[in-house]
Amino acid sequence: MKQYNLSILLILILLTISVSSYFFYLDIIYKDKLVKNDVESLYDLKRIAGKPIVVFANEQEIEEKAFDYNQIIQELNIDAIAEPQKETIIIRGEIHNTFSYILLKRLLDIIKNDEVNLISTCVGMDCTDNDYGFLIEIKPYLLKLK
């Protein structure tokens, strides 16, 4: 019986030491105000990030974005080209078969997840010279923190 009492006492002492060292460590952190500063900075970041400002891209950024889209179009092997305009990017191309239609859908998914406003999409003679042509007009923007 003494052996059990001694082992229980030892466990209680170890538990007390671990709990007290944990609170002592927390007290040191709070005295140094490390946690408080981190919490304040996270709060500031949340407050600032909660109010992003959308700024439409300038001509240089539009040209860079058009270059990026031309690289994506080349990687997807789509018969298309991205042309930078003054405020927008126009992507013109042609659909040759079902596979190119699937690639066009993949390009639209990429556009949907990018930082651009999709202004218009069109397929056929209404917007191109070809029955199987397509036209996508997008307006790039930048998210800036206030």
Protein backbone atom coordinates (compact mmCIF):
# COMPACT_ATOMS: atom_id res chain seq x y z
CA MET A 1 0.00 0.00 0.00
CA LYS A 2 2.88 2.33 0.80
CA GLN A 3 4.27 1.69 -2.63
CA TYR A 4 1.03 2.93 -4.29
CA ASN A 5 0.91 6.01 -2.08
CA LEU A 6 4.50 6.82 -2.91
CA SER A 7 3.92 6.43 -6.67
CA ILE A 8 0.74 8.54 -6.54
CA LEU A 9 2.62 11.23 -4.62
CA LEU A 10 5.41 11.17 -7.20
CA ILE A 11 2.90 11.51 -10.06
CA LEU A 12 1.18 14.43 -8.33
CA ILE A 13 4.51 16.17 -7.78
CA LEU A 14 5.47 15.74 -11.45
CA LEU A 15 2.06 16.96 -12.56
CA THR A 16 2.30 20.00 -10.30
CA ILE A 17 5.77 20.81 -11.60
CA SER A 18 4.68 20.53 -15.23
CA VAL A 19 1.57 22.69 -14.72
CA SER A 20 3.47 25.33 -12.77
CA SER A 21 6.27 25.44 -15.35
CA TYR A 22 3.66 25.85 -18.10
CA PHE A 23 2.08 28.82 -16.33
CA PHE A 24 5.51 30.23 -15.50
CA TYR A 25 6.40 30.04 -19.20
CA LEU A 26 3.14 31.78 -20.12
CA ASP A 27 3.82 34.45 -17.53
CA ILE A 28 7.25 35.11 -19.05
CA ILE A 29 5.71 35.46 -22.50
CA TYR A 30 3.05 37.84 -21.24
CA LYS A 31 5.61 39.91 -19.34
CA ASP A 32 7.65 40.26 -22.53
CA LYS A 33 4.41 41.08 -24.33
CA LEU A 34 5.31 38.79 -27.20
CA VAL A 35 1.86 37.24 -27.32
CA LYS A 36 0.13 40.58 -26.90
CA ASN A 37 2.08 42.10 -29.79
CA ASP A 38 1.34 39.12 -32.02
CA VAL A 39 -2.35 39.30 -31.22
CA GLU A 40 -2.40 43.02 -31.94
CA SER A 41 -0.60 42.54 -35.24
CA LEU A 42 -2.98 39.74 -36.26
CA TYR A 43 -5.90 41.96 -35.36
CA ASP A 44 -4.42 44.80 -37.42
CA LEU A 45 -3.83 42.45 -40.33
CA LYS A 46 -7.40 41.19 -40.15
CA ARG A 47 -8.72 44.73 -39.93
CA ILE A 48 -6.65 45.87 -42.92
CA ALA A 49 -7.23 42.74 -45.00
CA GLY A 50 -10.93 43.07 -44.39
CA LYS A 51 -10.89 46.25 -46.50
CA PRO A 52 -8.98 45.48 -49.70
CA ILE A 53 -9.06 48.08 -52.44
CA VAL A 54 -9.46 47.05 -56.07
CA VAL A 55 -7.37 49.07 -58.51
CA PHE A 56 -7.64 48.36 -62.21
CA ALA A 57 -4.33 47.55 -63.87
CA ASN A 58 -2.38 50.11 -65.88
CA GLU A 59 -1.13 49.51 -69.43
CA GLN A 60 2.18 47.96 -68.39
CA GLU A 61 0.48 45.50 -66.04
CA ILE A 62 -2.06 44.68 -68.76
CA GLU A 63 0.78 43.88 -71.19
CA GLU A 64 2.44 41.65 -68.56
CA LYS A 65 -0.86 39.86 -67.91
CA ALA A 66 -1.41 39.40 -71.67
CA PHE A 67 2.09 37.90 -71.93
CA ASP A 68 1.22 35.51 -69.08
CA TYR A 69 -2.00 34.52 -70.82
CA ASN A 70 -0.15 33.93 -74.09
CA GLN A 71 2.20 31.57 -72.22
CA ILE A 72 -0.79 29.75 -70.70
CA ILE A 73 -2.43 29.51 -74.13
CA GLN A 74 0.79 28.12 -75.57
CA GLU A 75 1.07 25.55 -72.75
CA LEU A 76 -2.54 24.46 -73.30
CA ASN A 77 -1.88 24.32 -77.06
CA ILE A 78 -4.96 26.36 -77.91
CA ASP A 79 -5.24 28.14 -81.26
CA ALA A 80 -5.63 31.60 -79.71
CA ILE A 81 -3.80 34.81 -78.87
CA ALA A 82 -4.18 37.33 -76.05
CA GLU A 83 -4.02 40.92 -77.28
CA PRO A 84 -3.55 43.77 -74.79
CA GLN A 85 -5.83 46.75 -75.33
CA LYS A 86 -5.83 50.07 -73.47
CA GLU A 87 -7.89 48.84 -70.48
CA THR A 88 -8.67 45.21 -71.32
CA ILE A 89 -7.20 42.02 -72.74
CA ILE A 90 -8.95 40.35 -75.66
CA ILE A 91 -8.34 36.64 -76.25
CA ARG A 92 -9.28 35.52 -79.78
CA GLY A 93 -9.09 31.98 -81.04
CA GLU A 94 -10.75 29.06 -82.76
CA ILE A 95 -12.26 25.78 -81.65
CA HIS A 96 -11.22 22.94 -83.97
CA ASN A 97 -12.52 19.85 -82.18
CA THR A 98 -13.91 18.59 -78.89
CA PHE A 99 -10.47 18.58 -77.28
CA SER A 100 -9.90 22.26 -78.07
CA TYR A 101 -13.33 22.96 -76.54
CA ILE A 102 -12.19 21.20 -73.34
CA LEU A 103 -8.98 23.26 -73.37
CA LEU A 104 -11.06 26.42 -73.81
CA LYS A 105 -13.07 25.45 -70.73
CA ARG A 106 -9.79 24.96 -68.84
CA LEU A 107 -8.65 28.43 -69.96
CA LEU A 108 -11.94 29.88 -68.71
CA ASP A 109 -11.37 28.17 -65.34
CA ILE A 110 -7.92 29.77 -65.15
CA ILE A 111 -9.42 33.16 -66.00
CA LYS A 112 -12.17 32.66 -63.41
CA ASN A 113 -9.59 32.06 -60.66
CA ASP A 114 -7.33 34.94 -61.69
CA GLU A 115 -7.55 38.58 -60.63
CA VAL A 116 -9.57 39.72 -63.63
CA ASN A 117 -13.12 40.81 -64.39
CA LEU A 118 -14.67 38.75 -67.15
CA ILE A 119 -16.35 41.38 -69.31
CA SER A 120 -17.69 39.26 -72.17
CA THR A 121 -17.41 35.90 -73.87
CA CYS A 122 -18.67 35.04 -77.31
CA VAL A 123 -18.54 32.04 -79.64
CA GLY A 124 -19.43 32.04 -83.32
CA MET A 125 -20.15 34.55 -86.08
CA ASP A 126 -21.56 37.17 -83.71
CA CYS A 127 -18.13 38.23 -82.54
CA THR A 128 -15.59 36.59 -84.86
CA ASP A 129 -15.11 35.93 -88.56
CA ASN A 130 -15.50 32.19 -88.07
CA ASP A 131 -18.37 29.94 -86.98
CA TYR A 132 -15.99 28.19 -84.59
CA GLY A 133 -14.19 31.26 -83.33
CA PHE A 134 -14.32 32.59 -79.79
CA LEU A 135 -13.60 35.91 -78.11
CA ILE A 136 -12.99 36.52 -74.40
CA GLU A 137 -12.64 40.05 -73.03
CA ILE A 138 -11.21 40.53 -69.54
CA LYS A 139 -10.19 43.51 -67.43
CA PRO A 140 -7.30 42.84 -65.00
CA TYR A 141 -7.24 44.39 -61.55
CA LEU A 142 -4.96 44.46 -58.53
CA LEU A 143 -5.93 43.98 -54.90
CA LYS A 144 -4.18 46.44 -52.64
CA LEU A 145 -4.45 46.79 -48.90
CA LYS A 146 -5.63 50.11 -47.57
